[in-house]
Amino acid sequence: MFNKKRLIQTESLSYAISVKSTLNDHNIPYTERVDAGSGWMQFITLLFVSGRGSYGLNSDHKQTYSVYVNEDRYEQAVKLISRL
């Protein structure tokens, strides 16, 4: 992501939503990314090792939410979300 800096990385969906809402309220454009952990490789390993895949039932499958902003708006965004 050219000219972008990661503002936050969190596992909390509610915090990510609060950050995005604050950025929207102050007209700061952002890009978001959601990573869902190791996904299919972990499922396949569980399937062959234990004989059953429990993908989605295990709380270890966490999503990570990242929000990126343009470098020129980064300092402003940091100040705004520090109040959350």
PDB file of N, CA and C in Angstrom:
ATOM      1  N   MET A   1       0.850  -1.186   0.000  1.00  0.00           N
ATOM      2  CA  MET A   1       0.000   0.000   0.000  1.00  0.00           C
ATOM      3  C   MET A   1       0.889   1.241   0.000  1.00  0.00           C
ATOM      4  N   PHE A   2       0.958   1.867  -1.137  1.00  0.00           N
ATOM      5  CA  PHE A   2       1.813   3.035  -1.282  1.00  0.00           C
ATOM      6  C   PHE A   2       1.261   4.225  -0.521  1.00  0.00           C
ATOM      7  N   ASN A   3       2.148   4.933   0.144  1.00  0.00           N
ATOM      8  CA  ASN A   3       1.798   6.139   0.896  1.00  0.00           C
ATOM      9  C   ASN A   3       0.769   5.891   1.994  1.00  0.00           C
ATOM     10  N   LYS A   4       0.681   4.682   2.483  1.00  0.00           N
ATOM     11  CA  LYS A   4      -0.255   4.347   3.564  1.00  0.00           C
ATOM     12  C   LYS A   4       0.539   3.879   4.779  1.00  0.00           C
ATOM     13  N   LYS A   5      -0.014   4.187   5.950  1.00  0.00           N
ATOM     14  CA  LYS A   5       0.560   3.697   7.205  1.00  0.00           C
ATOM     15  C   LYS A   5      -0.537   2.991   7.975  1.00  0.00           C
ATOM     16  N   ARG A   6      -0.154   1.908   8.651  1.00  0.00           N
ATOM     17  CA  ARG A   6      -1.144   1.196   9.449  1.00  0.00           C
ATOM     18  C   ARG A   6      -1.440   2.002  10.698  1.00  0.00           C
ATOM     19  N   LEU A   7      -2.684   2.346  10.857  1.00  0.00           N
ATOM     20  CA  LEU A   7      -3.136   3.111  12.015  1.00  0.00           C
ATOM     21  C   LEU A   7      -3.390   2.187  13.199  1.00  0.00           C
ATOM     22  N   ILE A   8      -4.091   1.095  12.953  1.00  0.00           N
ATOM     23  CA  ILE A   8      -4.382   0.127  14.018  1.00  0.00           C
ATOM     24  C   ILE A   8      -4.314  -1.289  13.473  1.00  0.00           C
ATOM     25  N   GLN A   9      -4.108  -2.227  14.382  1.00  0.00           N
ATOM     26  CA  GLN A   9      -4.276  -3.649  14.125  1.00  0.00           C
ATOM     27  C   GLN A   9      -4.867  -4.211  15.408  1.00  0.00           C
ATOM     28  N   THR A  10      -6.041  -4.809  15.314  1.00  0.00           N
ATOM     29  CA  THR A  10      -6.755  -5.259  16.501  1.00  0.00           C
ATOM     30  C   THR A  10      -7.573  -6.509  16.202  1.00  0.00           C
ATOM     31  N   GLU A  11      -7.908  -7.245  17.232  1.00  0.00           N
ATOM     32  CA  GLU A  11      -8.824  -8.376  17.106  1.00  0.00           C
ATOM     33  C   GLU A  11     -10.236  -7.975  17.514  1.00  0.00           C
ATOM     34  N   SER A  12     -10.402  -6.738  17.952  1.00  0.00           N
ATOM     35  CA  SER A  12     -11.705  -6.260  18.409  1.00  0.00           C
ATOM     36  C   SER A  12     -12.477  -5.609  17.266  1.00  0.00           C
ATOM     37  N   LEU A  13     -13.557  -6.251  16.864  1.00  0.00           N
ATOM     38  CA  LEU A  13     -14.388  -5.691  15.808  1.00  0.00           C
ATOM     39  C   LEU A  13     -14.999  -4.362  16.244  1.00  0.00           C
ATOM     40  N   SER A  14     -15.434  -4.269  17.483  1.00  0.00           N
ATOM     41  CA  SER A  14     -16.076  -3.031  17.947  1.00  0.00           C
ATOM     42  C   SER A  14     -15.089  -1.859  17.936  1.00  0.00           C
ATOM     43  N   TYR A  15     -13.832  -2.108  18.296  1.00  0.00           N
ATOM     44  CA  TYR A  15     -12.825  -1.044  18.260  1.00  0.00           C
ATOM     45  C   TYR A  15     -12.545  -0.628  16.812  1.00  0.00           C
ATOM     46  N   ALA A  16     -12.432  -1.596  15.924  1.00  0.00           N
ATOM     47  CA  ALA A  16     -12.191  -1.285  14.507  1.00  0.00           C
ATOM     48  C   ALA A  16     -13.336  -0.444  13.940  1.00  0.00           C
ATOM     49  N   ILE A  17     -14.553  -0.773  14.313  1.00  0.00           N
ATOM     50  CA  ILE A  17     -15.715  -0.004  13.849  1.00  0.00           C
ATOM     51  C   ILE A  17     -15.676   1.411  14.415  1.00  0.00           C
ATOM     52  N   SER A  18     -15.304   1.555  15.683  1.00  0.00           N
ATOM     53  CA  SER A  18     -15.198   2.884  16.302  1.00  0.00           C
ATOM     54  C   SER A  18     -14.148   3.736  15.593  1.00  0.00           C
ATOM     55  N   VAL A  19     -13.013   3.137  15.279  1.00  0.00           N
ATOM     56  CA  VAL A  19     -11.946   3.860  14.584  1.00  0.00           C
ATOM     57  C   VAL A  19     -12.431   4.308  13.209  1.00  0.00           C
ATOM     58  N   LYS A  20     -13.061   3.404  12.455  1.00  0.00           N
ATOM     59  CA  LYS A  20     -13.534   3.752  11.117  1.00  0.00           C
ATOM     60  C   LYS A  20     -14.611   4.832  11.177  1.00  0.00           C
ATOM     61  N   SER A  21     -15.470   4.764  12.162  1.00  0.00           N
ATOM     62  CA  SER A  21     -16.507   5.781  12.323  1.00  0.00           C
ATOM     63  C   SER A  21     -15.890   7.153  12.610  1.00  0.00           C
ATOM     64  N   THR A  22     -14.879   7.180  13.477  1.00  0.00           N
ATOM     65  CA  THR A  22     -14.189   8.434  13.791  1.00  0.00           C
ATOM     66  C   THR A  22     -13.513   9.008  12.557  1.00  0.00           C
ATOM     67  N   LEU A  23     -12.867   8.145  11.784  1.00  0.00           N
ATOM     68  CA  LEU A  23     -12.224   8.608  10.552  1.00  0.00           C
ATOM     69  C   LEU A  23     -13.258   9.148   9.570  1.00  0.00           C
ATOM     70  N   ASN A  24     -14.382   8.463   9.444  1.00  0.00           N
ATOM     71  CA  ASN A  24     -15.457   8.949   8.562  1.00  0.00           C
ATOM     72  C   ASN A  24     -15.973  10.306   9.016  1.00  0.00           C
ATOM     73  N   ASP A  25     -16.163  10.464  10.314  1.00  0.00           N
ATOM     74  CA  ASP A  25     -16.684  11.723  10.851  1.00  0.00           C
ATOM     75  C   ASP A  25     -15.766  12.906  10.546  1.00  0.00           C
ATOM     76  N   HIS A  26     -14.467  12.628  10.373  1.00  0.00           N
ATOM     77  CA  HIS A  26     -13.496  13.693  10.120  1.00  0.00           C
ATOM     78  C   HIS A  26     -12.969  13.660   8.680  1.00  0.00           C
ATOM     79  N   ASN A  27     -13.699  12.958   7.812  1.00  0.00           N
ATOM     80  CA  ASN A  27     -13.379  12.894   6.380  1.00  0.00           C
ATOM     81  C   ASN A  27     -11.942  12.450   6.109  1.00  0.00           C
ATOM     82  N   ILE A  28     -11.488  11.481   6.852  1.00  0.00           N
ATOM     83  CA  ILE A  28     -10.157  10.918   6.628  1.00  0.00           C
ATOM     84  C   ILE A  28     -10.340   9.586   5.898  1.00  0.00           C
ATOM     85  N   PRO A  29      -9.883   9.510   4.650  1.00  0.00           N
ATOM     86  CA  PRO A  29     -10.031   8.253   3.912  1.00  0.00           C
ATOM     87  C   PRO A  29      -9.149   7.159   4.510  1.00  0.00           C
ATOM     88  N   TYR A  30      -9.614   5.929   4.445  1.00  0.00           N
ATOM     89  CA  TYR A  30      -8.870   4.802   5.002  1.00  0.00           C
ATOM     90  C   TYR A  30      -9.076   3.571   4.138  1.00  0.00           C
ATOM     91  N   THR A  31      -8.202   2.610   4.335  1.00  0.00           N
ATOM     92  CA  THR A  31      -8.311   1.295   3.713  1.00  0.00           C
ATOM     93  C   THR A  31      -8.294   0.293   4.848  1.00  0.00           C
ATOM     94  N   GLU A  32      -9.087  -0.747   4.716  1.00  0.00           N
ATOM     95  CA  GLU A  32      -9.104  -1.748   5.773  1.00  0.00           C
ATOM     96  C   GLU A  32      -8.726  -3.114   5.225  1.00  0.00           C
ATOM     97  N   ARG A  33      -8.259  -3.957   6.130  1.00  0.00           N
ATOM     98  CA  ARG A  33      -7.885  -5.314   5.765  1.00  0.00           C
ATOM     99  C   ARG A  33      -8.288  -6.223   6.913  1.00  0.00           C
ATOM    100  N   VAL A  34      -8.847  -7.369   6.577  1.00  0.00           N
ATOM    101  CA  VAL A  34      -9.238  -8.358   7.583  1.00  0.00           C
ATOM    102  C   VAL A  34      -8.493  -9.648   7.283  1.00  0.00           C
ATOM    103  N   ASP A  35      -7.740 -10.127   8.264  1.00  0.00           N
ATOM    104  CA  ASP A  35      -7.034 -11.398   8.147  1.00  0.00           C
ATOM    105  C   ASP A  35      -7.712 -12.393   9.070  1.00  0.00           C
ATOM    106  N   ALA A  36      -7.993 -13.564   8.542  1.00  0.00           N
ATOM    107  CA  ALA A  36      -8.730 -14.564   9.308  1.00  0.00           C
ATOM    108  C   ALA A  36      -7.841 -15.685   9.827  1.00  0.00           C
ATOM    109  N   GLY A  37      -6.632 -15.396  10.179  1.00  0.00           N
ATOM    110  CA  GLY A  37      -5.761 -16.416  10.752  1.00  0.00           C
ATOM    111  C   GLY A  37      -5.220 -17.372   9.708  1.00  0.00           C
ATOM    112  N   SER A  38      -4.930 -18.584  10.120  1.00  0.00           N
ATOM    113  CA  SER A  38      -4.285 -19.546   9.232  1.00  0.00           C
ATOM    114  C   SER A  38      -5.267 -20.281   8.325  1.00  0.00           C
ATOM    115  N   GLY A  39      -6.540 -20.185   8.595  1.00  0.00           N
ATOM    116  CA  GLY A  39      -7.574 -20.670   7.692  1.00  0.00           C
ATOM    117  C   GLY A  39      -7.501 -22.125   7.282  1.00  0.00           C
ATOM    118  N   TRP A  40      -7.452 -22.330   5.973  1.00  0.00           N
ATOM    119  CA  TRP A  40      -7.583 -23.671   5.416  1.00  0.00           C
ATOM    120  C   TRP A  40      -6.476 -24.623   5.833  1.00  0.00           C
ATOM    121  N   MET A  41      -5.256 -24.134   5.957  1.00  0.00           N
ATOM    122  CA  MET A  41      -4.170 -25.039   6.348  1.00  0.00           C
ATOM    123  C   MET A  41      -4.425 -25.633   7.733  1.00  0.00           C
ATOM    124  N   GLN A  42      -4.909 -24.820   8.651  1.00  0.00           N
ATOM    125  CA  GLN A  42      -5.203 -25.332   9.986  1.00  0.00           C
ATOM    126  C   GLN A  42      -6.375 -26.316   9.929  1.00  0.00           C
ATOM    127  N   PHE A  43      -7.378 -26.033   9.099  1.00  0.00           N
ATOM    128  CA  PHE A  43      -8.521 -26.919   8.952  1.00  0.00           C
ATOM    129  C   PHE A  43      -8.077 -28.281   8.412  1.00  0.00           C
ATOM    130  N   ILE A  44      -7.247 -28.268   7.378  1.00  0.00           N
ATOM    131  CA  ILE A  44      -6.785 -29.515   6.777  1.00  0.00           C
ATOM    132  C   ILE A  44      -5.946 -30.313   7.779  1.00  0.00           C
ATOM    133  N   THR A  45      -5.092 -29.628   8.523  1.00  0.00           N
ATOM    134  CA  THR A  45      -4.295 -30.295   9.553  1.00  0.00           C
ATOM    135  C   THR A  45      -5.201 -30.945  10.596  1.00  0.00           C
ATOM    136  N   LEU A  46      -6.199 -30.218  11.068  1.00  0.00           N
ATOM    137  CA  LEU A  46      -7.142 -30.778  12.040  1.00  0.00           C
ATOM    138  C   LEU A  46      -7.877 -31.989  11.470  1.00  0.00           C
ATOM    139  N   LEU A  47      -8.241 -31.895  10.198  1.00  0.00           N
ATOM    140  CA  LEU A  47      -8.983 -32.973   9.557  1.00  0.00           C
ATOM    141  C   LEU A  47      -8.154 -34.255   9.500  1.00  0.00           C
ATOM    142  N   PHE A  48      -6.887 -34.151   9.111  1.00  0.00           N
ATOM    143  CA  PHE A  48      -6.054 -35.342   8.979  1.00  0.00           C
ATOM    144  C   PHE A  48      -5.498 -35.842  10.304  1.00  0.00           C
ATOM    145  N   VAL A  49      -5.233 -34.956  11.234  1.00  0.00           N
ATOM    146  CA  VAL A  49      -4.673 -35.373  12.519  1.00  0.00           C
ATOM    147  C   VAL A  49      -5.754 -35.951  13.422  1.00  0.00           C
ATOM    148  N   SER A  50      -6.867 -35.247  13.547  1.00  0.00           N
ATOM    149  CA  SER A  50      -7.904 -35.684  14.483  1.00  0.00           C
ATOM    150  C   SER A  50      -9.029 -36.461  13.812  1.00  0.00           C
ATOM    151  N   GLY A  51      -9.055 -36.459  12.484  1.00  0.00           N
ATOM    152  CA  GLY A  51     -10.125 -37.160  11.786  1.00  0.00           C
ATOM    153  C   GLY A  51     -11.382 -36.327  11.642  1.00  0.00           C
ATOM    154  N   ARG A  52     -11.339 -35.129  12.163  1.00  0.00           N
ATOM    155  CA  ARG A  52     -12.497 -34.227  12.018  1.00  0.00           C
ATOM    156  C   ARG A  52     -12.000 -32.784  12.006  1.00  0.00           C
ATOM    157  N   GLY A  53     -12.591 -32.022  11.177  1.00  0.00           N
ATOM    158  CA  GLY A  53     -12.252 -30.601  11.130  1.00  0.00           C
ATOM    159  C   GLY A  53     -13.259 -29.825  11.941  1.00  0.00           C
ATOM    160  N   SER A  54     -12.802 -29.007  12.821  1.00  0.00           N
ATOM    161  CA  SER A  54     -13.718 -28.220  13.658  1.00  0.00           C
ATOM    162  C   SER A  54     -13.574 -26.738  13.346  1.00  0.00           C
ATOM    163  N   TYR A  55     -13.328 -26.419  12.087  1.00  0.00           N
ATOM    164  CA  TYR A  55     -13.140 -25.030  11.689  1.00  0.00           C
ATOM    165  C   TYR A  55     -14.392 -24.217  12.011  1.00  0.00           C
ATOM    166  N   GLY A  56     -14.198 -23.115  12.703  1.00  0.00           N
ATOM    167  CA  GLY A  56     -15.318 -22.260  13.059  1.00  0.00           C
ATOM    168  C   GLY A  56     -15.859 -22.530  14.448  1.00  0.00           C
ATOM    169  N   LEU A  57     -15.568 -23.659  15.014  1.00  0.00           N
ATOM    170  CA  LEU A  57     -16.054 -23.980  16.348  1.00  0.00           C
ATOM    171  C   LEU A  57     -15.018 -23.672  17.417  1.00  0.00           C
ATOM    172  N   ASN A  58     -13.793 -23.488  17.006  1.00  0.00           N
ATOM    173  CA  ASN A  58     -12.698 -23.255  17.932  1.00  0.00           C
ATOM    174  C   ASN A  58     -12.466 -21.750  18.049  1.00  0.00           C
ATOM    175  N   SER A  59     -12.381 -21.253  19.267  1.00  0.00           N
ATOM    176  CA  SER A  59     -12.193 -19.809  19.470  1.00  0.00           C
ATOM    177  C   SER A  59     -10.807 -19.329  19.058  1.00  0.00           C
ATOM    178  N   ASP A  60      -9.902 -20.262  18.701  1.00  0.00           N
ATOM    179  CA  ASP A  60      -8.567 -19.862  18.257  1.00  0.00           C
ATOM    180  C   ASP A  60      -8.586 -19.233  16.869  1.00  0.00           C
ATOM    181  N   HIS A  61      -9.679 -19.355  16.147  1.00  0.00           N
ATOM    182  CA  HIS A  61      -9.795 -18.788  14.803  1.00  0.00           C
ATOM    183  C   HIS A  61     -10.234 -17.339  14.938  1.00  0.00           C
ATOM    184  N   LYS A  62      -9.275 -16.456  15.087  1.00  0.00           N
ATOM    185  CA  LYS A  62      -9.584 -15.050  15.307  1.00  0.00           C
ATOM    186  C   LYS A  62      -9.306 -14.249  14.058  1.00  0.00           C
ATOM    187  N   GLN A  63     -10.041 -13.173  13.914  1.00  0.00           N
ATOM    188  CA  GLN A  63      -9.819 -12.263  12.810  1.00  0.00           C
ATOM    189  C   GLN A  63      -9.057 -11.055  13.316  1.00  0.00           C
ATOM    190  N   THR A  64      -8.169 -10.562  12.476  1.00  0.00           N
ATOM    191  CA  THR A  64      -7.404  -9.372  12.791  1.00  0.00           C
ATOM    192  C   THR A  64      -7.829  -8.275  11.830  1.00  0.00           C
ATOM    193  N   TYR A  65      -8.178  -7.125  12.390  1.00  0.00           N
ATOM    194  CA  TYR A  65      -8.640  -5.986  11.609  1.00  0.00           C
ATOM    195  C   TYR A  65      -7.541  -4.935  11.582  1.00  0.00           C
ATOM    196  N   SER A  66      -7.174  -4.492  10.387  1.00  0.00           N
ATOM    197  CA  SER A  66      -6.170  -3.443  10.225  1.00  0.00           C
ATOM    198  C   SER A  66      -6.788  -2.282   9.462  1.00  0.00           C
ATOM    199  N   VAL A  67      -6.445  -1.073   9.880  1.00  0.00           N
ATOM    200  CA  VAL A  67      -6.920   0.140   9.207  1.00  0.00           C
ATOM    201  C   VAL A  67      -5.697   0.958   8.825  1.00  0.00           C
ATOM    202  N   TYR A  68      -5.648   1.360   7.568  1.00  0.00           N
ATOM    203  CA  TYR A  68      -4.536   2.141   7.028  1.00  0.00           C
ATOM    204  C   TYR A  68      -5.034   3.515   6.591  1.00  0.00           C
ATOM    205  N   VAL A  69      -4.202   4.524   6.785  1.00  0.00           N
ATOM    206  CA  VAL A  69      -4.523   5.884   6.330  1.00  0.00           C
ATOM    207  C   VAL A  69      -3.336   6.425   5.537  1.00  0.00           C
ATOM    208  N   ASN A  70      -3.589   7.463   4.754  1.00  0.00           N
ATOM    209  CA  ASN A  70      -2.511   8.111   4.015  1.00  0.00           C
ATOM    210  C   ASN A  70      -1.511   8.710   4.987  1.00  0.00           C
ATOM    211  N   GLU A  71      -0.241   8.677   4.600  1.00  0.00           N
ATOM    212  CA  GLU A  71       0.815   9.194   5.473  1.00  0.00           C
ATOM    213  C   GLU A  71       0.573  10.638   5.885  1.00  0.00           C
ATOM    214  N   ASP A  72       0.037  11.449   4.973  1.00  0.00           N
ATOM    215  CA  ASP A  72      -0.153  12.867   5.286  1.00  0.00           C
ATOM    216  C   ASP A  72      -1.296  13.123   6.270  1.00  0.00           C
ATOM    217  N   ARG A  73      -2.140  12.122   6.536  1.00  0.00           N
ATOM    218  CA  ARG A  73      -3.235  12.264   7.507  1.00  0.00           C
ATOM    219  C   ARG A  73      -3.006  11.418   8.756  1.00  0.00           C
ATOM    220  N   TYR A  74      -1.881  10.719   8.802  1.00  0.00           N
ATOM    221  CA  TYR A  74      -1.610   9.769   9.884  1.00  0.00           C
ATOM    222  C   TYR A  74      -1.602  10.423  11.265  1.00  0.00           C
ATOM    223  N   GLU A  75      -0.862  11.519  11.434  1.00  0.00           N
ATOM    224  CA  GLU A  75      -0.759  12.174  12.749  1.00  0.00           C
ATOM    225  C   GLU A  75      -2.126  12.650  13.232  1.00  0.00           C
ATOM    226  N   GLN A  76      -2.899  13.208  12.330  1.00  0.00           N
ATOM    227  CA  GLN A  76      -4.250  13.663  12.692  1.00  0.00           C
ATOM    228  C   GLN A  76      -5.105  12.476  13.135  1.00  0.00           C
ATOM    229  N   ALA A  77      -5.011  11.368  12.403  1.00  0.00           N
ATOM    230  CA  ALA A  77      -5.798  10.183  12.744  1.00  0.00           C
ATOM    231  C   ALA A  77      -5.391   9.615  14.100  1.00  0.00           C
ATOM    232  N   VAL A  78      -4.091   9.581  14.379  1.00  0.00           N
ATOM    233  CA  VAL A  78      -3.602   9.077  15.667  1.00  0.00           C
ATOM    234  C   VAL A  78      -4.189   9.899  16.811  1.00  0.00           C
ATOM    235  N   LYS A  79      -4.195  11.224  16.672  1.00  0.00           N
ATOM    236  CA  LYS A  79      -4.745  12.087  17.718  1.00  0.00           C
ATOM    237  C   LYS A  79      -6.234  11.830  17.914  1.00  0.00           C
ATOM    238  N   LEU A  80      -6.953  11.635  16.831  1.00  0.00           N
ATOM    239  CA  LEU A  80      -8.387  11.415  16.939  1.00  0.00           C
ATOM    240  C   LEU A  80      -8.721  10.104  17.633  1.00  0.00           C
ATOM    241  N   ILE A  81      -8.016   9.035  17.280  1.00  0.00           N
ATOM    242  CA  ILE A  81      -8.370   7.742  17.881  1.00  0.00           C
ATOM    243  C   ILE A  81      -7.791   7.573  19.276  1.00  0.00           C
ATOM    244  N   SER A  82      -6.880   8.434  19.679  1.00  0.00           N
ATOM    245  CA  SER A  82      -6.346   8.315  21.036  1.00  0.00           C
ATOM    246  C   SER A  82      -7.427   8.615  22.074  1.00  0.00           C
ATOM    247  N   ARG A  83      -8.492   9.246  21.655  1.00  0.00           N
ATOM    248  CA  ARG A  83      -9.607   9.574  22.554  1.00  0.00           C
ATOM    249  C   ARG A  83     -10.590   8.405  22.718  1.00  0.00           C
ATOM    250  N   LEU A  84     -10.435   7.376  21.905  1.00  0.00           N
ATOM    251  CA  LEU A  84     -11.387   6.238  21.962  1.00  0.00           C
ATOM    252  C   LEU A  84     -11.081   5.320  23.119  1.00  0.00           C
TER     253      LEU A  84
END
